[in-house]
C-alpha atoms as a PDB file:
ATOM      1  CA  MET A   1     -67.965 135.061 -45.419  1.00  0.00           C
ATOM      2  CA  HIS A   2     -65.981 135.988 -48.100  1.00  0.00           C
ATOM      3  CA  GLU A   3     -65.990 135.580 -51.598  1.00  0.00           C
ATOM      4  CA  GLY A   4     -63.605 132.536 -52.607  1.00  0.00           C
ATOM      5  CA  ASP A   5     -64.709 130.492 -49.617  1.00  0.00           C
ATOM      6  CA  LEU A   6     -65.627 126.852 -49.753  1.00  0.00           C
ATOM      7  CA  ILE A   7     -69.063 125.442 -48.380  1.00  0.00           C
ATOM      8  CA  PHE A   8     -70.166 121.723 -47.651  1.00  0.00           C
ATOM      9  CA  HIS A   9     -73.175 119.925 -46.283  1.00  0.00           C
ATOM     10  CA  THR A  10     -74.850 116.930 -46.403  1.00  0.00           C
ATOM     11  CA  SER A  11     -76.338 116.671 -49.675  1.00  0.00           C
ATOM     12  CA  GLN A  12     -79.848 114.430 -49.505  1.00  0.00           C
ATOM     13  CA  SER A  13     -79.036 113.092 -53.289  1.00  0.00           C
ATOM     14  CA  ALA A  14     -79.599 109.655 -53.996  1.00  0.00           C
ATOM     15  CA  GLN A  15     -75.595 109.144 -53.772  1.00  0.00           C
ATOM     16  CA  SER A  16     -74.858 111.063 -50.650  1.00  0.00           C
ATOM     17  CA  GLN A  17     -74.972 108.074 -48.274  1.00  0.00           C
ATOM     18  CA  ALA A  18     -72.759 105.937 -50.721  1.00  0.00           C
ATOM     19  CA  ILE A  19     -69.992 108.928 -50.895  1.00  0.00           C
ATOM     20  CA  GLN A  20     -70.041 109.406 -47.209  1.00  0.00           C
ATOM     21  CA  LEU A  21     -69.573 105.741 -46.483  1.00  0.00           C
ATOM     22  CA  ALA A  22     -66.733 105.176 -49.010  1.00  0.00           C
ATOM     23  CA  THR A  23     -65.354 108.729 -47.619  1.00  0.00           C
ATOM     24  CA  HIS A  24     -65.717 108.328 -43.972  1.00  0.00           C
ATOM     25  CA  SER A  25     -67.481 112.097 -43.903  1.00  0.00           C
ATOM     26  CA  PRO A  26     -70.580 113.173 -43.461  1.00  0.00           C
ATOM     27  CA  TYR A  27     -70.074 116.158 -45.998  1.00  0.00           C
ATOM     28  CA  SER A  28     -71.134 114.699 -49.312  1.00  0.00           C
ATOM     29  CA  HIS A  29     -71.846 118.259 -51.163  1.00  0.00           C
ATOM     30  CA  CYS A  30     -69.373 121.119 -51.824  1.00  0.00           C
ATOM     31  CA  GLY A  31     -69.373 124.533 -53.783  1.00  0.00           C
ATOM     32  CA  LEU A  32     -67.580 128.210 -54.015  1.00  0.00           C
ATOM     33  CA  LEU A  33     -69.306 131.190 -52.329  1.00  0.00           C
ATOM     34  CA  TYR A  34     -69.300 134.480 -54.629  1.00  0.00           C
ATOM     35  CA  LYS A  35     -71.403 137.571 -54.591  1.00  0.00           C
ATOM     36  CA  LYS A  36     -73.726 138.442 -57.094  1.00  0.00           C
ATOM     37  CA  ASP A  37     -75.831 141.277 -57.466  1.00  0.00           C
ATOM     38  CA  GLY A  38     -75.103 141.411 -53.623  1.00  0.00           C
ATOM     39  CA  GLU A  39     -76.824 138.245 -52.738  1.00  0.00           C
ATOM     40  CA  TRP A  40     -74.549 135.013 -51.583  1.00  0.00           C
ATOM     41  CA  GLN A  41     -74.271 132.362 -54.482  1.00  0.00           C
ATOM     42  CA  VAL A  42     -72.839 129.145 -54.487  1.00  0.00           C
ATOM     43  CA  PHE A  43     -70.716 128.062 -57.832  1.00  0.00           C
ATOM     44  CA  GLU A  44     -71.551 124.368 -57.607  1.00  0.00           C
ATOM     45  CA  ALA A  45     -71.421 120.995 -60.078  1.00  0.00           C
ATOM     46  CA  VAL A  46     -75.465 119.933 -59.980  1.00  0.00           C
ATOM     47  CA  GLN A  47     -76.863 119.541 -63.555  1.00  0.00           C
ATOM     48  CA  PRO A  48     -75.943 121.623 -64.638  1.00  0.00           C
ATOM     49  CA  VAL A  49     -73.003 123.590 -63.320  1.00  0.00           C
ATOM     50  CA  LYS A  50     -74.467 126.691 -61.944  1.00  0.00           C
ATOM     51  CA  LEU A  51     -74.919 129.651 -59.123  1.00  0.00           C
ATOM     52  CA  THR A  52     -77.418 128.563 -56.397  1.00  0.00           C
ATOM     53  CA  PRO A  53     -78.753 131.089 -53.985  1.00  0.00           C
ATOM     54  CA  LEU A  54     -77.503 130.679 -50.944  1.00  0.00           C
ATOM     55  CA  ARG A  55     -80.315 129.991 -49.145  1.00  0.00           C
ATOM     56  CA  SER A  56     -81.480 127.500 -51.456  1.00  0.00           C
ATOM     57  CA  TRP A  57     -78.413 125.474 -51.223  1.00  0.00           C
ATOM     58  CA  VAL A  58     -78.746 125.672 -47.942  1.00  0.00           C
ATOM     59  CA  ALA A  59     -82.039 124.175 -47.529  1.00  0.00           C
ATOM     60  CA  ARG A  60     -81.182 121.449 -50.021  1.00  0.00           C
ATOM     61  CA  GLY A  61     -78.869 120.029 -47.594  1.00  0.00           C
ATOM     62  CA  GLN A  62     -79.665 117.917 -44.793  1.00  0.00           C
ATOM     63  CA  GLY A  63     -81.231 119.686 -41.476  1.00  0.00           C
ATOM     64  CA  GLY A  64     -79.946 122.722 -43.131  1.00  0.00           C
ATOM     65  CA  HIS A  65     -76.330 122.338 -41.608  1.00  0.00           C
ATOM     66  CA  PHE A  66     -73.245 123.595 -43.591  1.00  0.00           C
ATOM     67  CA  VAL A  67     -69.520 124.315 -42.819  1.00  0.00           C
ATOM     68  CA  VAL A  68     -67.478 127.024 -44.745  1.00  0.00           C
ATOM     69  CA  LYS A  69     -64.097 127.417 -44.997  1.00  0.00           C
ATOM     70  CA  ARG A  70     -61.223 129.302 -46.181  1.00  0.00           C
ATOM     71  CA  LEU A  71     -58.166 129.734 -47.275  1.00  0.00           C
ATOM     72  CA  ARG A  72     -55.320 129.958 -44.473  1.00  0.00           C
ATOM     73  CA  ASP A  73     -53.677 133.019 -45.819  1.00  0.00           C
ATOM     74  CA  ALA A  74     -56.691 134.210 -47.976  1.00  0.00           C
ATOM     75  CA  ALA A  75     -56.183 137.700 -46.569  1.00  0.00           C
ATOM     76  CA  THR A  76     -53.357 138.228 -49.175  1.00  0.00           C
ATOM     77  CA  ALA A  77     -54.247 135.178 -51.499  1.00  0.00           C
ATOM     78  CA  LEU A  78     -57.674 136.330 -52.014  1.00  0.00           C
ATOM     79  CA  THR A  79     -57.576 139.612 -53.218  1.00  0.00           C
ATOM     80  CA  PRO A  80     -59.534 141.487 -55.666  1.00  0.00           C
ATOM     81  CA  ALA A  81     -57.322 140.513 -58.729  1.00  0.00           C
ATOM     82  CA  MET A  82     -56.808 137.058 -57.448  1.00  0.00           C
ATOM     83  CA  LEU A  83     -60.884 136.764 -56.778  1.00  0.00           C
ATOM     84  CA  THR A  84     -61.380 137.610 -60.797  1.00  0.00           C
ATOM     85  CA  ARG A  85     -58.630 134.872 -61.527  1.00  0.00           C
ATOM     86  CA  LEU A  86     -60.989 132.174 -60.014  1.00  0.00           C
ATOM     87  CA  ARG A  87     -64.174 133.645 -61.479  1.00  0.00           C
ATOM     88  CA  ALA A  88     -62.471 133.471 -64.801  1.00  0.00           C
ATOM     89  CA  ALA A  89     -61.281 129.831 -64.277  1.00  0.00           C
ATOM     90  CA  GLY A  90     -64.706 128.763 -63.577  1.00  0.00           C
ATOM     91  CA  GLN A  91     -66.451 130.532 -66.386  1.00  0.00           C
ATOM     92  CA  PRO A  92     -65.570 127.669 -68.946  1.00  0.00           C
ATOM     93  CA  LEU A  93     -67.302 125.036 -66.540  1.00  0.00           C
ATOM     94  CA  LEU A  94     -70.320 126.669 -66.199  1.00  0.00           C
ATOM     95  CA  GLY A  95     -73.360 124.988 -67.499  1.00  0.00           C
ATOM     96  CA  ARG A  96     -71.581 121.701 -68.248  1.00  0.00           C
ATOM     97  CA  ASP A  97     -73.219 118.450 -66.919  1.00  0.00           C
ATOM     98  CA  TYR A  98     -73.037 116.857 -63.636  1.00  0.00           C
ATOM     99  CA  ASP A  99     -70.529 113.989 -63.773  1.00  0.00           C
ATOM    100  CA  LEU A 100     -72.097 110.822 -62.294  1.00  0.00           C
ATOM    101  CA  ALA A 101     -69.373 108.260 -63.112  1.00  0.00           C
ATOM    102  CA  PHE A 102     -66.964 110.921 -61.708  1.00  0.00           C
ATOM    103  CA  ASN A 103     -64.311 111.240 -64.391  1.00  0.00           C
ATOM    104  CA  TRP A 104     -61.260 113.506 -64.380  1.00  0.00           C
ATOM    105  CA  SER A 105     -62.477 115.337 -67.390  1.00  0.00           C
ATOM    106  CA  ASP A 106     -64.430 118.813 -67.973  1.00  0.00           C
ATOM    107  CA  LYS A 107     -66.647 117.104 -70.198  1.00  0.00           C
ATOM    108  CA  GLN A 108     -68.864 116.928 -67.475  1.00  0.00           C
ATOM    109  CA  ILE A 109     -68.068 117.969 -63.533  1.00  0.00           C
ATOM    110  CA  TYR A 110     -68.836 117.085 -60.072  1.00  0.00           C
ATOM    111  CA  CYS A 111     -68.569 118.960 -57.163  1.00  0.00           C
ATOM    112  CA  SER A 112     -65.474 118.697 -55.236  1.00  0.00           C
ATOM    113  CA  GLU A 113     -63.870 118.349 -58.879  1.00  0.00           C
ATOM    114  CA  LEU A 114     -64.832 121.575 -59.857  1.00  0.00           C
ATOM    115  CA  ILE A 115     -63.581 123.446 -56.703  1.00  0.00           C
ATOM    116  CA  TRP A 116     -60.311 121.505 -57.265  1.00  0.00           C
ATOM    117  CA  LYS A 117     -59.804 122.463 -60.852  1.00  0.00           C
ATOM    118  CA  VAL A 118     -60.883 126.454 -60.366  1.00  0.00           C
ATOM    119  CA  TYR A 119     -58.763 126.895 -57.473  1.00  0.00           C
ATOM    120  CA  ASP A 120     -55.554 124.741 -59.301  1.00  0.00           C
ATOM    121  CA  ARG A 121     -56.690 126.805 -62.569  1.00  0.00           C
ATOM    122  CA  GLY A 122     -57.075 130.118 -61.412  1.00  0.00           C
ATOM    123  CA  LEU A 123     -54.626 130.421 -58.049  1.00  0.00           C
ATOM    124  CA  HIS A 124     -52.390 127.280 -58.998  1.00  0.00           C
ATOM    125  CA  ARG A 125     -53.435 126.158 -55.169  1.00  0.00           C
ATOM    126  CA  GLN A 126     -54.803 122.295 -54.568  1.00  0.00           C
ATOM    127  CA  LEU A 127     -57.288 122.170 -52.386  1.00  0.00           C
ATOM    128  CA  GLY A 128     -56.986 118.172 -50.895  1.00  0.00           C
ATOM    129  CA  GLN A 129     -55.283 115.322 -52.021  1.00  0.00           C
ATOM    130  CA  LEU A 130     -55.977 113.456 -55.383  1.00  0.00           C
ATOM    131  CA  GLN A 131     -56.813 110.142 -54.938  1.00  0.00           C
ATOM    132  CA  HIS A 132     -57.814 107.118 -57.163  1.00  0.00           C
ATOM    133  CA  LEU A 133     -61.089 105.858 -56.487  1.00  0.00           C
ATOM    134  CA  ARG A 134     -59.382 102.462 -55.529  1.00  0.00           C
ATOM    135  CA  ASP A 135     -58.401 104.366 -52.580  1.00  0.00           C
ATOM    136  CA  PHE A 136     -61.926 104.559 -50.966  1.00  0.00           C
ATOM    137  CA  ASP A 137     -63.889 102.156 -48.624  1.00  0.00           C
ATOM    138  CA  LEU A 138     -65.718 100.414 -51.574  1.00  0.00           C
ATOM    139  CA  ARG A 139     -66.571  97.551 -49.235  1.00  0.00           C
ATOM    140  CA  ASN A 140     -70.131  98.741 -47.769  1.00  0.00           C
ATOM    141  CA  PRO A 141     -73.117  97.156 -49.823  1.00  0.00           C
ATOM    142  CA  ALA A 142     -74.466 100.642 -50.413  1.00  0.00           C
ATOM    143  CA  VAL A 143     -71.224 101.657 -52.223  1.00  0.00           C
ATOM    144  CA  HIS A 144     -71.170  99.032 -53.873  1.00  0.00           C
ATOM    145  CA  ALA A 145     -74.350  99.131 -55.440  1.00  0.00           C
ATOM    146  CA  LYS A 146     -73.634 102.569 -56.358  1.00  0.00           C
ATOM    147  CA  LEU A 147     -70.627 101.625 -58.408  1.00  0.00           C
ATOM    148  CA  ARG A 148     -72.410  98.635 -59.766  1.00  0.00           C
ATOM    149  CA  GLU A 149     -74.956 101.058 -61.332  1.00  0.00           C
ATOM    150  CA  ARG A 150     -72.517 103.540 -62.556  1.00  0.00           C
ATOM    151  CA  TYR A 151     -69.927 101.273 -64.157  1.00  0.00           C
ATOM    152  CA  GLY A 152     -71.218  98.100 -64.260  1.00  0.00           C
ATOM    153  CA  ARG A 153     -68.861  95.398 -63.649  1.00  0.00           C
ATOM    154  CA  GLN A 154     -65.848  97.466 -65.079  1.00  0.00           C
ATOM    155  CA  LEU A 155     -64.738  99.677 -61.940  1.00  0.00           C
ATOM    156  CA  PRO A 156     -62.107 102.276 -63.308  1.00  0.00           C
ATOM    157  CA  LEU A 157     -60.024 102.012 -60.034  1.00  0.00           C
ATOM    158  CA  ASP A 158     -57.331 103.741 -61.035  1.00  0.00           C
ATOM    159  CA  GLU A 159     -59.297 107.070 -61.925  1.00  0.00           C
ATOM    160  CA  PRO A 160     -58.196 110.175 -60.502  1.00  0.00           C
ATOM    161  CA  VAL A 161     -60.623 111.240 -58.227  1.00  0.00           C
ATOM    162  CA  ILE A 162     -61.189 114.618 -55.553  1.00  0.00           C
ATOM    163  CA  SER A 163     -63.568 114.021 -53.093  1.00  0.00           C
ATOM    164  CA  PRO A 164     -65.518 116.684 -50.779  1.00  0.00           C
ATOM    165  CA  ALA A 165     -63.730 115.157 -47.506  1.00  0.00           C
ATOM    166  CA  SER A 166     -60.213 115.085 -49.322  1.00  0.00           C
ATOM    167  CA  VAL A 167     -61.054 118.786 -50.085  1.00  0.00           C
ATOM    168  CA  PHE A 168     -63.050 119.922 -46.424  1.00  0.00           C
ATOM    169  CA  ASN A 169     -59.555 118.404 -44.724  1.00  0.00           C
ATOM    170  CA  SER A 170     -57.215 120.495 -46.726  1.00  0.00           C
ATOM    171  CA  ALA A 171     -54.193 121.665 -44.309  1.00  0.00           C
ATOM    172  CA  GLU A 172     -54.493 124.823 -46.595  1.00  0.00           C
ATOM    173  CA  LEU A 173     -58.119 125.573 -45.165  1.00  0.00           C
ATOM    174  CA  VAL A 174     -59.445 126.897 -41.500  1.00  0.00           C
ATOM    175  CA  THR A 175     -63.218 126.615 -40.464  1.00  0.00           C
ATOM    176  CA  ILE A 176     -65.166 129.691 -40.620  1.00  0.00           C
ATOM    177  CA  VAL A 177     -68.495 128.974 -40.215  1.00  0.00           C
ATOM    178  CA  SER A 178     -70.412 125.729 -38.788  1.00  0.00           C
ATOM    179  CA  ARG A 179     -74.193 125.702 -38.521  1.00  0.00           C
END
């Protein structure tokens, strides 16, 4: 693994099933890998946005399974200077509250939004396609129930959203590890 790699797993959170159903993906949570004091850490949006030891992060996922992805051109794109820019882009988001409503603002942040914004702001790379809430499969009763819980009857169907699935499926990424 290298710093700046992306890591994905199936969260065991209350919203994980709805995310999986709406995006047709097994992966519902993601973060960025960094080394801090010689130890692998995951920069992730939970409550709050923070660095989590890799072992703890993996243990929170379903069955300990995770996938690591990397930029196709990481050898040239993720130089030490670029990694410094990537880290700097994430610093203002550290400590922010988790965004249960998946709003496209920096007031609160969700996992794939964190990755997307850090890469966009730090390296001017957009990983995955931004979508709108209306673009997801919202028909499943579990998805519908979670949406009602979060928004009531006023669904923000035009809200920009980046899903873990969209980042995971980005053509700019290659799979490095799948365990």
